[in-house]
PDB file of N, CA and C in Angstrom:
ATOM      1  N   MET A   1      38.287 -37.612  -6.232  1.00  0.00           N
ATOM      2  CA  MET A   1      38.874 -36.371  -6.704  1.00  0.00           C
ATOM      3  C   MET A   1      39.285 -35.546  -5.492  1.00  0.00           C
ATOM      4  N   SER A   2      40.520 -35.137  -5.466  1.00  0.00           N
ATOM      5  CA  SER A   2      41.035 -34.324  -4.374  1.00  0.00           C
ATOM      6  C   SER A   2      40.971 -32.865  -4.764  1.00  0.00           C
ATOM      7  N   ASP A   3      40.466 -32.071  -3.862  1.00  0.00           N
ATOM      8  CA  ASP A   3      40.427 -30.634  -4.120  1.00  0.00           C
ATOM      9  C   ASP A   3      40.784 -29.880  -2.846  1.00  0.00           C
ATOM     10  N   VAL A   4      41.377 -28.726  -3.024  1.00  0.00           N
ATOM     11  CA  VAL A   4      41.722 -27.855  -1.910  1.00  0.00           C
ATOM     12  C   VAL A   4      41.277 -26.446  -2.265  1.00  0.00           C
ATOM     13  N   LYS A   5      40.892 -25.706  -1.263  1.00  0.00           N
ATOM     14  CA  LYS A   5      40.469 -24.323  -1.470  1.00  0.00           C
ATOM     15  C   LYS A   5      41.567 -23.397  -0.990  1.00  0.00           C
ATOM     16  N   LEU A   6      41.775 -22.351  -1.728  1.00  0.00           N
ATOM     17  CA  LEU A   6      42.795 -21.373  -1.391  1.00  0.00           C
ATOM     18  C   LEU A   6      42.323 -20.549  -0.202  1.00  0.00           C
ATOM     19  N   ASN A   7      43.098 -20.594   0.879  1.00  0.00           N
ATOM     20  CA  ASN A   7      42.779 -19.787   2.054  1.00  0.00           C
ATOM     21  C   ASN A   7      43.258 -18.354   1.827  1.00  0.00           C
ATOM     22  N   GLU A   8      42.658 -17.436   2.526  1.00  0.00           N
ATOM     23  CA  GLU A   8      43.017 -16.024   2.378  1.00  0.00           C
ATOM     24  C   GLU A   8      44.460 -15.801   2.814  1.00  0.00           C
ATOM     25  N   GLY A   9      45.253 -15.183   1.952  1.00  0.00           N
ATOM     26  CA  GLY A   9      46.641 -14.875   2.266  1.00  0.00           C
ATOM     27  C   GLY A   9      47.573 -16.072   2.133  1.00  0.00           C
ATOM     28  N   GLU A  10      47.110 -17.161   1.539  1.00  0.00           N
ATOM     29  CA  GLU A  10      47.933 -18.364   1.412  1.00  0.00           C
ATOM     30  C   GLU A  10      48.722 -18.319   0.102  1.00  0.00           C
ATOM     31  N   SER A  11      49.959 -18.754   0.148  1.00  0.00           N
ATOM     32  CA  SER A  11      50.790 -18.749  -1.050  1.00  0.00           C
ATOM     33  C   SER A  11      50.479 -19.985  -1.899  1.00  0.00           C
ATOM     34  N   PHE A  12      50.875 -19.904  -3.152  1.00  0.00           N
ATOM     35  CA  PHE A  12      50.654 -21.017  -4.062  1.00  0.00           C
ATOM     36  C   PHE A  12      51.448 -22.246  -3.626  1.00  0.00           C
ATOM     37  N   GLU A  13      52.646 -22.036  -3.084  1.00  0.00           N
ATOM     38  CA  GLU A  13      53.483 -23.154  -2.657  1.00  0.00           C
ATOM     39  C   GLU A  13      52.820 -23.942  -1.538  1.00  0.00           C
ATOM     40  N   SER A  14      52.234 -23.260  -0.562  1.00  0.00           N
ATOM     41  CA  SER A  14      51.574 -23.979   0.528  1.00  0.00           C
ATOM     42  C   SER A  14      50.299 -24.675   0.036  1.00  0.00           C
ATOM     43  N   LEU A  15      49.610 -24.053  -0.922  1.00  0.00           N
ATOM     44  CA  LEU A  15      48.430 -24.687  -1.516  1.00  0.00           C
ATOM     45  C   LEU A  15      48.834 -25.959  -2.246  1.00  0.00           C
ATOM     46  N   LEU A  16      49.919 -25.897  -2.990  1.00  0.00           N
ATOM     47  CA  LEU A  16      50.399 -27.065  -3.713  1.00  0.00           C
ATOM     48  C   LEU A  16      50.839 -28.172  -2.755  1.00  0.00           C
ATOM     49  N   ARG A  17      51.477 -27.796  -1.642  1.00  0.00           N
ATOM     50  CA  ARG A  17      51.879 -28.778  -0.633  1.00  0.00           C
ATOM     51  C   ARG A  17      50.665 -29.479  -0.039  1.00  0.00           C
ATOM     52  N   ARG A  18      49.615 -28.712   0.276  1.00  0.00           N
ATOM     53  CA  ARG A  18      48.391 -29.305   0.831  1.00  0.00           C
ATOM     54  C   ARG A  18      47.733 -30.244  -0.176  1.00  0.00           C
ATOM     55  N   PHE A  19      47.706 -29.836  -1.444  1.00  0.00           N
ATOM     56  CA  PHE A  19      47.114 -30.667  -2.481  1.00  0.00           C
ATOM     57  C   PHE A  19      47.893 -31.975  -2.642  1.00  0.00           C
ATOM     58  N   THR A  20      49.222 -31.879  -2.685  1.00  0.00           N
ATOM     59  CA  THR A  20      50.060 -33.065  -2.828  1.00  0.00           C
ATOM     60  C   THR A  20      49.840 -34.020  -1.668  1.00  0.00           C
ATOM     61  N   LYS A  21      49.763 -33.485  -0.465  1.00  0.00           N
ATOM     62  CA  LYS A  21      49.544 -34.314   0.719  1.00  0.00           C
ATOM     63  C   LYS A  21      48.191 -35.017   0.649  1.00  0.00           C
ATOM     64  N   ARG A  22      47.175 -34.305   0.216  1.00  0.00           N
ATOM     65  CA  ARG A  22      45.841 -34.891   0.121  1.00  0.00           C
ATOM     66  C   ARG A  22      45.788 -35.983  -0.945  1.00  0.00           C
ATOM     67  N   VAL A  23      46.474 -35.779  -2.062  1.00  0.00           N
ATOM     68  CA  VAL A  23      46.514 -36.796  -3.119  1.00  0.00           C
ATOM     69  C   VAL A  23      47.219 -38.053  -2.622  1.00  0.00           C
ATOM     70  N   GLU A  24      48.323 -37.878  -1.892  1.00  0.00           N
ATOM     71  CA  GLU A  24      49.045 -39.027  -1.349  1.00  0.00           C
ATOM     72  C   GLU A  24      48.180 -39.792  -0.354  1.00  0.00           C
ATOM     73  N   GLN A  25      47.441 -39.086   0.490  1.00  0.00           N
ATOM     74  CA  GLN A  25      46.605 -39.744   1.488  1.00  0.00           C
ATOM     75  C   GLN A  25      45.446 -40.494   0.851  1.00  0.00           C
ATOM     76  N   SER A  26      44.926 -39.982  -0.254  1.00  0.00           N
ATOM     77  CA  SER A  26      43.789 -40.635  -0.893  1.00  0.00           C
ATOM     78  C   SER A  26      44.211 -41.866  -1.684  1.00  0.00           C
ATOM     79  N   GLY A  27      45.494 -42.003  -2.016  1.00  0.00           N
ATOM     80  CA  GLY A  27      45.988 -43.176  -2.719  1.00  0.00           C
ATOM     81  C   GLY A  27      45.761 -43.143  -4.216  1.00  0.00           C
ATOM     82  N   VAL A  28      45.543 -41.991  -4.781  1.00  0.00           N
ATOM     83  CA  VAL A  28      45.273 -41.871  -6.218  1.00  0.00           C
ATOM     84  C   VAL A  28      46.486 -42.298  -7.036  1.00  0.00           C
ATOM     85  N   LEU A  29      47.666 -41.826  -6.667  1.00  0.00           N
ATOM     86  CA  LEU A  29      48.862 -42.138  -7.457  1.00  0.00           C
ATOM     87  C   LEU A  29      49.215 -43.613  -7.393  1.00  0.00           C
ATOM     88  N   SER A  30      49.077 -44.236  -6.225  1.00  0.00           N
ATOM     89  CA  SER A  30      49.379 -45.664  -6.130  1.00  0.00           C
ATOM     90  C   SER A  30      48.386 -46.476  -6.953  1.00  0.00           C
ATOM     91  N   GLU A  31      47.142 -46.034  -7.008  1.00  0.00           N
ATOM     92  CA  GLU A  31      46.134 -46.709  -7.827  1.00  0.00           C
ATOM     93  C   GLU A  31      46.473 -46.579  -9.312  1.00  0.00           C
ATOM     94  N   VAL A  32      46.921 -45.423  -9.725  1.00  0.00           N
ATOM     95  CA  VAL A  32      47.292 -45.214 -11.133  1.00  0.00           C
ATOM     96  C   VAL A  32      48.479 -46.092 -11.501  1.00  0.00           C
ATOM     97  N   ARG A  33      49.471 -46.166 -10.627  1.00  0.00           N
ATOM     98  CA  ARG A  33      50.633 -47.010 -10.899  1.00  0.00           C
ATOM     99  C   ARG A  33      50.237 -48.473 -10.980  1.00  0.00           C
ATOM    100  N   ARG A  34      49.319 -48.884 -10.113  1.00  0.00           N
ATOM    101  CA  ARG A  34      48.888 -50.278 -10.100  1.00  0.00           C
ATOM    102  C   ARG A  34      48.130 -50.633 -11.375  1.00  0.00           C
ATOM    103  N   ARG A  35      47.371 -49.706 -11.903  1.00  0.00           N
ATOM    104  CA  ARG A  35      46.576 -49.960 -13.096  1.00  0.00           C
ATOM    105  C   ARG A  35      47.296 -49.625 -14.403  1.00  0.00           C
ATOM    106  N   ALA A  36      48.531 -49.224 -14.343  1.00  0.00           N
ATOM    107  CA  ALA A  36      49.250 -48.811 -15.543  1.00  0.00           C
ATOM    108  C   ALA A  36      49.419 -49.962 -16.533  1.00  0.00           C
ATOM    109  N   PHE A  37      49.599 -51.181 -16.021  1.00  0.00           N
ATOM    110  CA  PHE A  37      49.779 -52.350 -16.871  1.00  0.00           C
ATOM    111  C   PHE A  37      48.801 -53.422 -16.448  1.00  0.00           C
ATOM    112  N   PHE A  38      48.415 -54.252 -17.415  1.00  0.00           N
ATOM    113  CA  PHE A  38      47.494 -55.342 -17.121  1.00  0.00           C
ATOM    114  C   PHE A  38      48.178 -56.371 -16.232  1.00  0.00           C
ATOM    115  N   GLU A  39      47.463 -56.819 -15.215  1.00  0.00           N
ATOM    116  CA  GLU A  39      47.994 -57.815 -14.313  1.00  0.00           C
ATOM    117  C   GLU A  39      47.144 -59.077 -14.431  1.00  0.00           C
ATOM    118  N   LYS A  40      47.793 -60.195 -14.756  1.00  0.00           N
ATOM    119  CA  LYS A  40      47.058 -61.435 -14.918  1.00  0.00           C
ATOM    120  C   LYS A  40      46.418 -61.833 -13.590  1.00  0.00           C
ATOM    121  N   PRO A  41      45.255 -62.478 -13.637  1.00  0.00           N
ATOM    122  CA  PRO A  41      44.579 -62.879 -12.396  1.00  0.00           C
ATOM    123  C   PRO A  41      45.439 -63.759 -11.496  1.00  0.00           C
ATOM    124  N   SER A  42      46.264 -64.621 -12.075  1.00  0.00           N
ATOM    125  CA  SER A  42      47.106 -65.487 -11.242  1.00  0.00           C
ATOM    126  C   SER A  42      48.142 -64.656 -10.482  1.00  0.00           C
ATOM    127  N   ILE A  43      48.697 -63.661 -11.126  1.00  0.00           N
ATOM    128  CA  ILE A  43      49.687 -62.795 -10.468  1.00  0.00           C
ATOM    129  C   ILE A  43      49.008 -61.945  -9.402  1.00  0.00           C
ATOM    130  N   LYS A  44      47.806 -61.481  -9.698  1.00  0.00           N
ATOM    131  CA  LYS A  44      47.048 -60.690  -8.731  1.00  0.00           C
ATOM    132  C   LYS A  44      46.765 -61.521  -7.475  1.00  0.00           C
ATOM    133  N   ARG A  45      46.387 -62.788  -7.681  1.00  0.00           N
ATOM    134  CA  ARG A  45      46.094 -63.679  -6.559  1.00  0.00           C
ATOM    135  C   ARG A  45      47.348 -63.905  -5.718  1.00  0.00           C
ATOM    136  N   LYS A  46      48.494 -64.132  -6.375  1.00  0.00           N
ATOM    137  CA  LYS A  46      49.747 -64.342  -5.657  1.00  0.00           C
ATOM    138  C   LYS A  46      50.140 -63.106  -4.862  1.00  0.00           C
ATOM    139  N   ARG A  47      49.928 -61.921  -5.447  1.00  0.00           N
ATOM    140  CA  ARG A  47      50.267 -60.679  -4.749  1.00  0.00           C
ATOM    141  C   ARG A  47      49.418 -60.507  -3.502  1.00  0.00           C
ATOM    142  N   LYS A  48      48.117 -60.817  -3.620  1.00  0.00           N
ATOM    143  CA  LYS A  48      47.224 -60.686  -2.464  1.00  0.00           C
ATOM    144  C   LYS A  48      47.577 -61.685  -1.368  1.00  0.00           C
ATOM    145  N   GLU A  49      47.936 -62.908  -1.750  1.00  0.00           N
ATOM    146  CA  GLU A  49      48.337 -63.912  -0.763  1.00  0.00           C
ATOM    147  C   GLU A  49      49.611 -63.483  -0.042  1.00  0.00           C
ATOM    148  N   ALA A  50      50.566 -62.939  -0.782  1.00  0.00           N
ATOM    149  CA  ALA A  50      51.810 -62.466  -0.167  1.00  0.00           C
ATOM    150  C   ALA A  50      51.529 -61.316   0.783  1.00  0.00           C
ATOM    151  N   GLN A  51      50.599 -60.446   0.410  1.00  0.00           N
ATOM    152  CA  GLN A  51      50.236 -59.331   1.280  1.00  0.00           C
ATOM    153  C   GLN A  51      49.605 -59.845   2.573  1.00  0.00           C
ATOM    154  N   LYS A  52      48.766 -60.871   2.476  1.00  0.00           N
ATOM    155  CA  LYS A  52      48.163 -61.461   3.677  1.00  0.00           C
ATOM    156  C   LYS A  52      49.226 -62.080   4.574  1.00  0.00           C
ATOM    157  N   ARG A  53      50.210 -62.782   3.953  1.00  0.00           N
ATOM    158  CA  ARG A  53      51.284 -63.385   4.744  1.00  0.00           C
ATOM    159  C   ARG A  53      52.092 -62.330   5.481  1.00  0.00           C
ATOM    160  N   ARG A  54      52.385 -61.223   4.795  1.00  0.00           N
ATOM    161  CA  ARG A  54      53.144 -60.143   5.452  1.00  0.00           C
ATOM    162  C   ARG A  54      52.343 -59.547   6.597  1.00  0.00           C
ATOM    163  N   LYS A  55      51.043 -59.392   6.396  1.00  0.00           N
ATOM    164  CA  LYS A  55      50.200 -58.781   7.425  1.00  0.00           C
ATOM    165  C   LYS A  55      50.124 -59.673   8.664  1.00  0.00           C
ATOM    166  N   THR A  56      49.977 -60.979   8.461  1.00  0.00           N
ATOM    167  CA  THR A  56      49.908 -61.885   9.606  1.00  0.00           C
ATOM    168  C   THR A  56      51.257 -62.025  10.282  1.00  0.00           C
ATOM    169  N   ALA A  57      52.348 -61.899   9.528  1.00  0.00           N
ATOM    170  CA  ALA A  57      53.689 -62.002  10.114  1.00  0.00           C
ATOM    171  C   ALA A  57      53.972 -60.832  11.047  1.00  0.00           C
ATOM    172  N   ARG A  58      53.385 -59.693  10.772  1.00  0.00           N
ATOM    173  CA  ARG A  58      53.602 -58.507  11.615  1.00  0.00           C
ATOM    174  C   ARG A  58      52.967 -58.675  12.989  1.00  0.00           C
ATOM    175  N   ARG A  59      51.888 -59.434  13.045  1.00  0.00           N
ATOM    176  CA  ARG A  59      51.170 -59.628  14.318  1.00  0.00           C
ATOM    177  C   ARG A  59      51.878 -60.572  15.190  1.00  0.00           C
TER     178      ARG A  59
END
């Protein structure tokens, strides 16, 4: 759970920007998108293998 505290004299827009940044850094939205639909185990395995190949290719 991401939370931010309102600093003294801070506008709502800057508070919202800080909250959005913190949510993006924590990966909450990407996790929600990933879990939106059921993913078969075979597809999950293929995705992880492709991710490993991309990671090793970068090195």
